[in-house]
Amino acid sequence: MTAMNVAKAATLFMLTALLVAGCGRKGDLEIPSSQPVAENPDDTEQQPKKERRFILDPLIQ
């Protein structure tokens, strides 16, 4: 490998690592619950929220 190829490979690796590190959500980890928590605790009638699908969901299932 030439020095140029090594530099290109290293740059590609660093950009990929930066991209992967930027994925996800900020904040603390959350434990998944079986039902969504109601915003108003006085509500006796809790209706589950409709789950929003994301394009990459099939990859993690």
C-alpha atoms as a PDB file:
ATOM      1  CA  MET A   1       0.000   0.000   0.000  1.00  0.00           C
ATOM      2  CA  THR A   2       1.158   3.465  -0.714  1.00  0.00           C
ATOM      3  CA  ALA A   3       1.072   6.265   1.801  1.00  0.00           C
ATOM      4  CA  MET A   4      -1.894   7.814  -0.023  1.00  0.00           C
ATOM      5  CA  ASN A   5      -3.931   4.600   0.236  1.00  0.00           C
ATOM      6  CA  VAL A   6      -3.137   4.320   3.949  1.00  0.00           C
ATOM      7  CA  ALA A   7      -4.193   7.928   4.501  1.00  0.00           C
ATOM      8  CA  LYS A   8      -7.462   7.384   2.603  1.00  0.00           C
ATOM      9  CA  ALA A   9      -8.206   4.203   4.557  1.00  0.00           C
ATOM     10  CA  ALA A  10      -7.472   5.913   7.878  1.00  0.00           C
ATOM     11  CA  THR A  11      -9.682   8.879   6.962  1.00  0.00           C
ATOM     12  CA  LEU A  12     -12.520   6.588   5.912  1.00  0.00           C
ATOM     13  CA  PHE A  13     -12.179   4.620   9.162  1.00  0.00           C
ATOM     14  CA  MET A  14     -12.251   7.782  11.291  1.00  0.00           C
ATOM     15  CA  LEU A  15     -15.284   9.200   9.463  1.00  0.00           C
ATOM     16  CA  THR A  16     -17.137   5.902   9.866  1.00  0.00           C
ATOM     17  CA  ALA A  17     -16.303   5.786  13.581  1.00  0.00           C
ATOM     18  CA  LEU A  18     -17.506   9.383  13.991  1.00  0.00           C
ATOM     19  CA  LEU A  19     -20.739   8.606  12.170  1.00  0.00           C
ATOM     20  CA  VAL A  20     -21.451   5.530  14.287  1.00  0.00           C
ATOM     21  CA  ALA A  21     -20.609   7.360  17.521  1.00  0.00           C
ATOM     22  CA  GLY A  22     -23.101  10.089  16.613  1.00  0.00           C
ATOM     23  CA  CYS A  23     -26.026   7.680  16.311  1.00  0.00           C
ATOM     24  CA  GLY A  24     -28.541   7.296  19.109  1.00  0.00           C
ATOM     25  CA  ARG A  25     -30.206   9.548  21.619  1.00  0.00           C
ATOM     26  CA  LYS A  26     -28.667  11.826  24.193  1.00  0.00           C
ATOM     27  CA  GLY A  27     -29.379  11.207  27.836  1.00  0.00           C
ATOM     28  CA  ASP A  28     -29.584   8.357  30.284  1.00  0.00           C
ATOM     29  CA  LEU A  29     -30.588   4.871  29.277  1.00  0.00           C
ATOM     30  CA  GLU A  30     -34.255   4.100  29.763  1.00  0.00           C
ATOM     31  CA  ILE A  31     -35.748   0.791  30.792  1.00  0.00           C
ATOM     32  CA  PRO A  32     -38.448  -0.231  28.312  1.00  0.00           C
ATOM     33  CA  SER A  33     -41.888  -0.414  29.835  1.00  0.00           C
ATOM     34  CA  SER A  34     -44.700  -2.680  28.801  1.00  0.00           C
ATOM     35  CA  GLN A  35     -47.087   0.272  28.506  1.00  0.00           C
ATOM     36  CA  PRO A  36     -46.382   3.930  27.833  1.00  0.00           C
ATOM     37  CA  VAL A  37     -46.540   6.141  30.899  1.00  0.00           C
ATOM     38  CA  ALA A  38     -49.395   8.640  30.908  1.00  0.00           C
ATOM     39  CA  GLU A  39     -48.315  12.263  31.187  1.00  0.00           C
ATOM     40  CA  ASN A  40     -51.152  13.012  33.568  1.00  0.00           C
ATOM     41  CA  PRO A  41     -51.163  10.527  36.495  1.00  0.00           C
ATOM     42  CA  ASP A  42     -54.794  11.421  37.299  1.00  0.00           C
ATOM     43  CA  ASP A  43     -55.967   9.785  34.071  1.00  0.00           C
ATOM     44  CA  THR A  44     -57.708   6.554  34.965  1.00  0.00           C
ATOM     45  CA  GLU A  45     -58.320   5.823  31.307  1.00  0.00           C
ATOM     46  CA  GLN A  46     -54.930   5.036  29.804  1.00  0.00           C
ATOM     47  CA  GLN A  47     -54.788   4.372  26.112  1.00  0.00           C
ATOM     48  CA  PRO A  48     -51.556   2.969  24.707  1.00  0.00           C
ATOM     49  CA  LYS A  49     -49.717   5.255  22.341  1.00  0.00           C
ATOM     50  CA  LYS A  50     -49.362   4.128  18.758  1.00  0.00           C
ATOM     51  CA  GLU A  51     -45.825   2.914  18.129  1.00  0.00           C
ATOM     52  CA  ARG A  52     -44.016   4.867  15.429  1.00  0.00           C
ATOM     53  CA  ARG A  53     -42.016   2.737  13.023  1.00  0.00           C
ATOM     54  CA  PHE A  54     -38.537   3.707  11.872  1.00  0.00           C
ATOM     55  CA  ILE A  55     -36.943   2.652   8.601  1.00  0.00           C
ATOM     56  CA  LEU A  56     -34.126   0.749  10.358  1.00  0.00           C
ATOM     57  CA  ASP A  57     -36.364  -1.199  12.780  1.00  0.00           C
ATOM     58  CA  PRO A  58     -36.168  -4.440  10.771  1.00  0.00           C
ATOM     59  CA  LEU A  59     -32.388  -4.482  11.252  1.00  0.00           C
ATOM     60  CA  ILE A  60     -32.634  -4.734  15.043  1.00  0.00           C
ATOM     61  CA  GLN A  61     -35.519  -7.179  15.224  1.00  0.00           C
END
